[in-house]
Amino acid sequence: MKNSTTGLLLGSALVIGLSGCASSASQSSSGSSDRAWYQQPVVCGIAGGLIGGGIGYATSGSSDEDSGVAIGGTTGAAIGALLCADRTPEPVAEPEPEPMPEPAPAPEPEFEPVVLSSEVNFEFDRAALLPQAEMTLDEVAHRLRENPDLRVKIEGHTDSVGSNEYNLDLSQRRAESVRNYLMSQGIAGNRMTATGYGEERPVATNDTDEGRALNRRVEIDRQ
C-alpha cells in the first residue's frame, strides 16, 4: 500500500473534524439557514468525500487506488451530508381556537294590547276614569314595572257624534287621563305617549248604537 500511514492520518483528522461538525449541528435547535458555514450539509458532504477518498486511497493497493478513492469519496460524501442534515422537527401548527358562540338575544317582553271601553271605563262624554278602568290599569302598571324597557302608546278614539274638533279634544283628554293614572302608579312618563285621534279610526260602524260604543275607546299597546 502506498502512503498508507499518511492517508490514515489524514482520514483520521478529517473524521474527527466531521464528527465535531455533525455533533454541533445536531445540538442546534434552529434551522439550517442559521448554522455556521461548516455545519451545512454541502460542506459536510465535501469533507466526507475527502475523508472517504483519503481512507480509500490509504487502504487500497497500488493497482486499485483509483477505484478505492472513488468508492471511498462517494461513500464519505453521502455519510457526511447525512450527518449534517437538518433534523429540526417541523413546527406543529396549533389549532385555531373555535369562535365563541354569540349570545342569544334577549326575548322581547310580551304585552297584550288593552282596550278601555267608554261604556265601562269612562262616564258619558267625560274623560275621568271609573273604578273599573283603574282596576284594569293597575294590571297594566304591574306589567310595565316587570318590564322596565317596555314602552307603550295610549290612543284615544271616539264615535262620529259631535264635531270632529270636539271629538279630537275628548279623545286626547281620555288618553292623557290614562297616562296620568299610570304615572301615579310609578310608571315614568317618558315610557308612554298619549295621542287622541277623535273619530278618524273607527273599528265598527257609526250607524248603530253598538258600533258607536265600540268606537268610543282608549287603546294601550306597545310602541
C-alpha atoms as a PDB file:
ATOM      1  CA  MET A   1       0.000   0.000   0.000  1.00  0.00           C
ATOM      2  CA  LYS A   2       1.219   3.499  -0.897  1.00  0.00           C
ATOM      3  CA  ASN A   3       1.181   6.334   1.579  1.00  0.00           C
ATOM      4  CA  SER A   4      -0.983   4.255   3.848  1.00  0.00           C
ATOM      5  CA  THR A   5       0.212   5.923   7.006  1.00  0.00           C
ATOM      6  CA  THR A   6      -0.280   9.407   5.559  1.00  0.00           C
ATOM      7  CA  GLY A   7      -3.707   8.554   4.219  1.00  0.00           C
ATOM      8  CA  LEU A   8      -4.851   7.087   7.506  1.00  0.00           C
ATOM      9  CA  LEU A   9      -3.620  10.081   9.498  1.00  0.00           C
ATOM     10  CA  LEU A  10      -5.346  12.460   7.082  1.00  0.00           C
ATOM     11  CA  GLY A  11      -8.513  10.419   7.177  1.00  0.00           C
ATOM     12  CA  SER A  12      -8.483  10.252  10.971  1.00  0.00           C
ATOM     13  CA  ALA A  13      -8.092  14.013  11.264  1.00  0.00           C
ATOM     14  CA  LEU A  14     -10.935  14.620   8.824  1.00  0.00           C
ATOM     15  CA  VAL A  15     -13.147  12.088  10.609  1.00  0.00           C
ATOM     16  CA  ILE A  16     -12.652  13.924  13.905  1.00  0.00           C
ATOM     17  CA  GLY A  17     -13.416  17.260  12.272  1.00  0.00           C
ATOM     18  CA  LEU A  18     -16.510  15.961  10.518  1.00  0.00           C
ATOM     19  CA  SER A  19     -17.770  14.334  13.723  1.00  0.00           C
ATOM     20  CA  GLY A  20     -17.424  17.675  15.519  1.00  0.00           C
ATOM     21  CA  CYS A  21     -19.393  19.475  12.791  1.00  0.00           C
ATOM     22  CA  ALA A  22     -22.128  16.892  12.856  1.00  0.00           C
ATOM     23  CA  SER A  23     -22.300  16.967  16.672  1.00  0.00           C
ATOM     24  CA  SER A  24     -22.589  20.745  16.683  1.00  0.00           C
ATOM     25  CA  ALA A  25     -25.249  20.635  14.004  1.00  0.00           C
ATOM     26  CA  SER A  26     -27.322  18.047  15.864  1.00  0.00           C
ATOM     27  CA  GLN A  27     -27.282  20.181  19.032  1.00  0.00           C
ATOM     28  CA  SER A  28     -28.536  23.279  17.187  1.00  0.00           C
ATOM     29  CA  SER A  29     -32.268  23.889  17.612  1.00  0.00           C
ATOM     30  CA  SER A  30     -32.589  26.342  14.727  1.00  0.00           C
ATOM     31  CA  GLY A  31     -32.913  25.627  11.005  1.00  0.00           C
ATOM     32  CA  SER A  32     -30.042  25.015   8.586  1.00  0.00           C
ATOM     33  CA  SER A  33     -30.144  28.635   7.413  1.00  0.00           C
ATOM     34  CA  ASP A  34     -28.914  29.714  10.897  1.00  0.00           C
ATOM     35  CA  ARG A  35     -25.980  27.285  11.089  1.00  0.00           C
ATOM     36  CA  ALA A  36     -22.274  28.085  10.674  1.00  0.00           C
ATOM     37  CA  TRP A  37     -20.901  27.515   7.210  1.00  0.00           C
ATOM     38  CA  TYR A  38     -19.017  24.388   8.279  1.00  0.00           C
ATOM     39  CA  GLN A  39     -22.263  22.817   9.542  1.00  0.00           C
ATOM     40  CA  GLN A  40     -24.040  22.974   6.186  1.00  0.00           C
ATOM     41  CA  PRO A  41     -24.799  19.587   4.562  1.00  0.00           C
ATOM     42  CA  VAL A  42     -22.906  20.579   1.385  1.00  0.00           C
ATOM     43  CA  VAL A  43     -19.728  21.381   3.338  1.00  0.00           C
ATOM     44  CA  CYS A  44     -20.057  18.205   5.380  1.00  0.00           C
ATOM     45  CA  GLY A  45     -20.549  16.251   2.164  1.00  0.00           C
ATOM     46  CA  ILE A  46     -17.345  17.646   0.686  1.00  0.00           C
ATOM     47  CA  ALA A  47     -15.470  16.900   3.912  1.00  0.00           C
ATOM     48  CA  GLY A  48     -16.928  13.401   3.963  1.00  0.00           C
ATOM     49  CA  GLY A  49     -15.845  12.912   0.375  1.00  0.00           C
ATOM     50  CA  LEU A  50     -12.294  13.895   1.260  1.00  0.00           C
ATOM     51  CA  ILE A  51     -12.357  11.616   4.269  1.00  0.00           C
ATOM     52  CA  GLY A  52     -13.706   8.699   2.274  1.00  0.00           C
ATOM     53  CA  GLY A  53     -11.286   9.372  -0.571  1.00  0.00           C
ATOM     54  CA  GLY A  54      -8.358   9.560   1.851  1.00  0.00           C
ATOM     55  CA  ILE A  55      -9.327   6.352   3.537  1.00  0.00           C
ATOM     56  CA  GLY A  56      -9.946   4.648   0.187  1.00  0.00           C
ATOM     57  CA  TYR A  57      -6.551   5.762  -1.048  1.00  0.00           C
ATOM     58  CA  ALA A  58      -4.816   4.700   2.159  1.00  0.00           C
ATOM     59  CA  THR A  59      -6.401   1.263   2.260  1.00  0.00           C
ATOM     60  CA  SER A  60      -6.173   0.372  -1.420  1.00  0.00           C
ATOM     61  CA  GLY A  61      -3.363  -1.278  -3.206  1.00  0.00           C
ATOM     62  CA  SER A  62      -1.346   0.292  -5.961  1.00  0.00           C
ATOM     63  CA  SER A  63      -3.399  -1.481  -8.573  1.00  0.00           C
ATOM     64  CA  ASP A  64      -6.774  -0.236  -7.338  1.00  0.00           C
ATOM     65  CA  GLU A  65      -6.028   3.248  -5.998  1.00  0.00           C
ATOM     66  CA  ASP A  66      -8.423   4.969  -8.362  1.00  0.00           C
ATOM     67  CA  SER A  67     -11.370   2.764  -7.567  1.00  0.00           C
ATOM     68  CA  GLY A  68     -10.639   2.937  -3.845  1.00  0.00           C
ATOM     69  CA  VAL A  69     -10.557   6.719  -3.903  1.00  0.00           C
ATOM     70  CA  ALA A  70     -13.782   6.889  -5.960  1.00  0.00           C
ATOM     71  CA  ILE A  71     -15.703   4.458  -3.750  1.00  0.00           C
ATOM     72  CA  GLY A  72     -14.400   5.981  -0.523  1.00  0.00           C
ATOM     73  CA  GLY A  73     -15.098   9.525  -1.702  1.00  0.00           C
ATOM     74  CA  THR A  74     -18.672   8.750  -2.776  1.00  0.00           C
ATOM     75  CA  THR A  75     -19.457   6.898   0.424  1.00  0.00           C
ATOM     76  CA  GLY A  76     -17.871   9.548   2.614  1.00  0.00           C
ATOM     77  CA  ALA A  77     -19.739  12.367   0.870  1.00  0.00           C
ATOM     78  CA  ALA A  78     -23.083  10.648   1.410  1.00  0.00           C
ATOM     79  CA  ILE A  79     -22.349   9.918   5.066  1.00  0.00           C
ATOM     80  CA  GLY A  80     -21.114  13.461   5.694  1.00  0.00           C
ATOM     81  CA  ALA A  81     -24.190  15.035   4.163  1.00  0.00           C
ATOM     82  CA  LEU A  82     -26.459  12.775   6.231  1.00  0.00           C
ATOM     83  CA  LEU A  83     -24.604  13.554   9.453  1.00  0.00           C
ATOM     84  CA  CYS A  84     -25.090  17.301   8.963  1.00  0.00           C
ATOM     85  CA  ALA A  85     -28.617  17.134   7.578  1.00  0.00           C
ATOM     86  CA  ASP A  86     -31.164  19.362   9.297  1.00  0.00           C
ATOM     87  CA  ARG A  87     -33.082  17.192  11.775  1.00  0.00           C
ATOM     88  CA  THR A  88     -35.055  20.024  13.300  1.00  0.00           C
ATOM     89  CA  PRO A  89     -38.658  18.802  13.565  1.00  0.00           C
ATOM     90  CA  GLU A  90     -41.232  20.714  11.595  1.00  0.00           C
ATOM     91  CA  PRO A  91     -43.182  23.099  13.841  1.00  0.00           C
ATOM     92  CA  VAL A  92     -46.618  21.791  14.659  1.00  0.00           C
ATOM     93  CA  ALA A  93     -49.265  24.381  13.923  1.00  0.00           C
ATOM     94  CA  GLU A  94     -51.525  24.939  16.894  1.00  0.00           C
ATOM     95  CA  PRO A  95     -55.223  24.569  16.057  1.00  0.00           C
ATOM     96  CA  GLU A  96     -57.091  27.840  15.858  1.00  0.00           C
ATOM     97  CA  PRO A  97     -59.488  28.327  18.757  1.00  0.00           C
ATOM     98  CA  GLU A  98     -63.097  27.834  17.871  1.00  0.00           C
ATOM     99  CA  PRO A  99     -65.064  31.089  17.828  1.00  0.00           C
ATOM    100  CA  MET A 100     -67.244  31.663  20.840  1.00  0.00           C
ATOM    101  CA  PRO A 101     -70.939  31.338  20.025  1.00  0.00           C
ATOM    102  CA  GLU A 102     -72.781  34.645  20.048  1.00  0.00           C
ATOM    103  CA  PRO A 103     -75.168  35.013  22.952  1.00  0.00           C
ATOM    104  CA  ALA A 104     -78.797  34.652  22.045  1.00  0.00           C
ATOM    105  CA  PRO A 105     -80.669  37.962  22.018  1.00  0.00           C
ATOM    106  CA  ALA A 106     -82.919  38.631  24.968  1.00  0.00           C
ATOM    107  CA  PRO A 107     -86.542  37.770  24.210  1.00  0.00           C
ATOM    108  CA  GLU A 108     -88.844  40.671  23.528  1.00  0.00           C
ATOM    109  CA  PRO A 109     -91.100  41.429  26.514  1.00  0.00           C
ATOM    110  CA  GLU A 110     -94.671  40.449  25.868  1.00  0.00           C
ATOM    111  CA  PHE A 111     -97.524  42.935  26.173  1.00  0.00           C
ATOM    112  CA  GLU A 112    -101.083  42.182  25.200  1.00  0.00           C
ATOM    113  CA  PRO A 113    -102.994  45.233  23.900  1.00  0.00           C
ATOM    114  CA  VAL A 114    -105.571  46.661  26.324  1.00  0.00           C
ATOM    115  CA  VAL A 115    -108.815  48.322  25.228  1.00  0.00           C
ATOM    116  CA  LEU A 116    -110.753  50.553  27.608  1.00  0.00           C
ATOM    117  CA  SER A 117    -114.366  50.920  26.504  1.00  0.00           C
ATOM    118  CA  SER A 118    -116.030  54.227  27.318  1.00  0.00           C
ATOM    119  CA  GLU A 119    -119.216  52.314  28.186  1.00  0.00           C
ATOM    120  CA  VAL A 120    -117.491  50.761  31.214  1.00  0.00           C
ATOM    121  CA  ASN A 121    -114.362  52.769  31.962  1.00  0.00           C
ATOM    122  CA  PHE A 122    -115.451  56.395  31.379  1.00  0.00           C
ATOM    123  CA  GLU A 123    -118.513  58.411  32.221  1.00  0.00           C
ATOM    124  CA  PHE A 124    -120.543  59.537  29.251  1.00  0.00           C
ATOM    125  CA  ASP A 125    -118.911  62.451  27.476  1.00  0.00           C
ATOM    126  CA  ARG A 126    -116.252  62.657  30.190  1.00  0.00           C
ATOM    127  CA  ALA A 127    -112.530  61.865  30.457  1.00  0.00           C
ATOM    128  CA  ALA A 128    -112.498  60.840  34.126  1.00  0.00           C
ATOM    129  CA  LEU A 129    -111.692  57.208  34.818  1.00  0.00           C
ATOM    130  CA  LEU A 130    -114.185  54.941  36.547  1.00  0.00           C
ATOM    131  CA  PRO A 131    -113.102  52.369  39.196  1.00  0.00           C
ATOM    132  CA  GLN A 132    -113.341  49.588  36.590  1.00  0.00           C
ATOM    133  CA  ALA A 133    -110.737  51.375  34.463  1.00  0.00           C
ATOM    134  CA  GLU A 134    -108.417  51.811  37.447  1.00  0.00           C
ATOM    135  CA  MET A 135    -108.531  48.068  38.176  1.00  0.00           C
ATOM    136  CA  THR A 136    -107.511  47.328  34.580  1.00  0.00           C
ATOM    137  CA  LEU A 137    -104.772  49.969  34.609  1.00  0.00           C
ATOM    138  CA  ASP A 138    -103.324  48.602  37.868  1.00  0.00           C
ATOM    139  CA  GLU A 139    -102.629  45.369  35.984  1.00  0.00           C
ATOM    140  CA  VAL A 140    -101.074  47.334  33.118  1.00  0.00           C
ATOM    141  CA  ALA A 141     -98.826  49.189  35.570  1.00  0.00           C
ATOM    142  CA  HIS A 142     -97.749  45.877  37.111  1.00  0.00           C
ATOM    143  CA  ARG A 143     -96.671  44.523  33.713  1.00  0.00           C
ATOM    144  CA  LEU A 144     -94.777  47.718  32.933  1.00  0.00           C
ATOM    145  CA  ARG A 145     -92.904  47.527  36.225  1.00  0.00           C
ATOM    146  CA  GLU A 146     -91.890  43.948  35.448  1.00  0.00           C
ATOM    147  CA  ASN A 147     -90.570  45.048  32.027  1.00  0.00           C
ATOM    148  CA  PRO A 148     -88.698  48.334  32.593  1.00  0.00           C
ATOM    149  CA  ASP A 149     -87.598  48.569  28.943  1.00  0.00           C
ATOM    150  CA  LEU A 150     -91.141  48.320  27.617  1.00  0.00           C
ATOM    151  CA  ARG A 151     -92.720  51.452  26.164  1.00  0.00           C
ATOM    152  CA  VAL A 152     -96.395  51.860  25.326  1.00  0.00           C
ATOM    153  CA  LYS A 153     -98.610  54.125  23.266  1.00  0.00           C
ATOM    154  CA  ILE A 154    -102.009  55.258  24.562  1.00  0.00           C
ATOM    155  CA  GLU A 155    -104.511  56.157  21.839  1.00  0.00           C
ATOM    156  CA  GLY A 156    -107.911  57.767  22.396  1.00  0.00           C
ATOM    157  CA  HIS A 157    -110.835  57.363  19.968  1.00  0.00           C
ATOM    158  CA  THR A 158    -114.498  58.485  19.729  1.00  0.00           C
ATOM    159  CA  ASP A 159    -117.551  57.826  17.605  1.00  0.00           C
ATOM    160  CA  SER A 160    -118.729  60.254  14.941  1.00  0.00           C
ATOM    161  CA  VAL A 161    -121.381  62.021  17.065  1.00  0.00           C
ATOM    162  CA  GLY A 162    -120.461  65.685  17.503  1.00  0.00           C
ATOM    163  CA  SER A 163    -117.933  67.812  15.688  1.00  0.00           C
ATOM    164  CA  ASN A 164    -114.578  66.494  14.690  1.00  0.00           C
ATOM    165  CA  GLU A 165    -112.805  69.163  16.774  1.00  0.00           C
ATOM    166  CA  TYR A 166    -114.742  68.232  19.904  1.00  0.00           C
ATOM    167  CA  ASN A 167    -114.166  64.508  19.435  1.00  0.00           C
ATOM    168  CA  LEU A 168    -110.460  65.069  18.846  1.00  0.00           C
ATOM    169  CA  ASP A 169    -110.172  67.005  22.122  1.00  0.00           C
ATOM    170  CA  LEU A 170    -112.212  64.415  24.056  1.00  0.00           C
ATOM    171  CA  SER A 171    -110.103  61.513  22.761  1.00  0.00           C
ATOM    172  CA  GLN A 172    -106.894  63.371  23.722  1.00  0.00           C
ATOM    173  CA  ARG A 173    -108.150  64.084  27.246  1.00  0.00           C
ATOM    174  CA  ARG A 174    -109.096  60.442  27.766  1.00  0.00           C
ATOM    175  CA  ALA A 175    -105.701  59.238  26.538  1.00  0.00           C
ATOM    176  CA  GLU A 176    -103.934  61.665  28.874  1.00  0.00           C
ATOM    177  CA  SER A 177    -106.166  60.588  31.751  1.00  0.00           C
ATOM    178  CA  VAL A 178    -104.924  57.001  31.290  1.00  0.00           C
ATOM    179  CA  ARG A 179    -101.289  58.152  31.054  1.00  0.00           C
ATOM    180  CA  ASN A 180    -101.594  60.274  34.206  1.00  0.00           C
ATOM    181  CA  TYR A 181    -103.043  57.367  36.162  1.00  0.00           C
ATOM    182  CA  LEU A 182    -100.179  55.072  35.123  1.00  0.00           C
ATOM    183  CA  MET A 183     -97.696  57.762  36.152  1.00  0.00           C
ATOM    184  CA  SER A 184     -99.373  57.877  39.568  1.00  0.00           C
ATOM    185  CA  GLN A 185     -98.598  54.149  39.815  1.00  0.00           C
ATOM    186  CA  GLY A 186     -94.869  54.751  39.344  1.00  0.00           C
ATOM    187  CA  ILE A 187     -94.528  54.403  35.563  1.00  0.00           C
ATOM    188  CA  ALA A 188     -92.188  57.008  34.046  1.00  0.00           C
ATOM    189  CA  GLY A 189     -93.932  59.416  31.710  1.00  0.00           C
ATOM    190  CA  ASN A 190     -91.227  59.076  29.022  1.00  0.00           C
ATOM    191  CA  ARG A 191     -92.232  55.426  28.586  1.00  0.00           C
ATOM    192  CA  MET A 192     -95.711  56.408  27.380  1.00  0.00           C
ATOM    193  CA  THR A 193     -97.162  58.540  24.616  1.00  0.00           C
ATOM    194  CA  ALA A 194    -100.773  59.767  24.683  1.00  0.00           C
ATOM    195  CA  THR A 195    -102.428  60.666  21.370  1.00  0.00           C
ATOM    196  CA  GLY A 196    -106.051  61.446  20.549  1.00  0.00           C
ATOM    197  CA  TYR A 197    -107.422  60.501  17.111  1.00  0.00           C
ATOM    198  CA  GLY A 198    -111.054  61.553  17.554  1.00  0.00           C
ATOM    199  CA  GLU A 199    -113.322  59.775  15.108  1.00  0.00           C
ATOM    200  CA  GLU A 200    -110.630  59.096  12.489  1.00  0.00           C
ATOM    201  CA  ARG A 201    -110.053  55.397  13.259  1.00  0.00           C
ATOM    202  CA  PRO A 202    -113.351  53.576  13.835  1.00  0.00           C
ATOM    203  CA  VAL A 203    -113.350  49.819  14.424  1.00  0.00           C
ATOM    204  CA  ALA A 204    -117.094  49.464  13.762  1.00  0.00           C
ATOM    205  CA  THR A 205    -119.902  51.282  12.027  1.00  0.00           C
ATOM    206  CA  ASN A 206    -121.136  54.556  13.480  1.00  0.00           C
ATOM    207  CA  ASP A 207    -124.673  53.886  12.193  1.00  0.00           C
ATOM    208  CA  THR A 208    -125.689  51.751  15.202  1.00  0.00           C
ATOM    209  CA  ASP A 209    -125.509  52.187  18.956  1.00  0.00           C
ATOM    210  CA  GLU A 210    -123.428  49.028  19.243  1.00  0.00           C
ATOM    211  CA  GLY A 211    -120.916  50.194  16.637  1.00  0.00           C
ATOM    212  CA  ARG A 212    -120.598  53.663  18.173  1.00  0.00           C
ATOM    213  CA  ALA A 213    -119.980  52.104  21.586  1.00  0.00           C
ATOM    214  CA  LEU A 214    -117.100  50.090  20.168  1.00  0.00           C
ATOM    215  CA  ASN A 215    -115.578  53.198  18.590  1.00  0.00           C
ATOM    216  CA  ARG A 216    -115.591  55.127  21.912  1.00  0.00           C
ATOM    217  CA  ARG A 217    -112.463  53.608  23.397  1.00  0.00           C
ATOM    218  CA  VAL A 218    -108.841  54.018  24.592  1.00  0.00           C
ATOM    219  CA  GLU A 219    -106.249  51.512  23.350  1.00  0.00           C
ATOM    220  CA  ILE A 220    -102.936  50.726  25.062  1.00  0.00           C
ATOM    221  CA  ASP A 221    -100.320  48.892  23.009  1.00  0.00           C
ATOM    222  CA  ARG A 222     -96.555  48.582  22.938  1.00  0.00           C
ATOM    223  CA  GLN A 223     -94.589  51.046  20.861  1.00  0.00           C
END
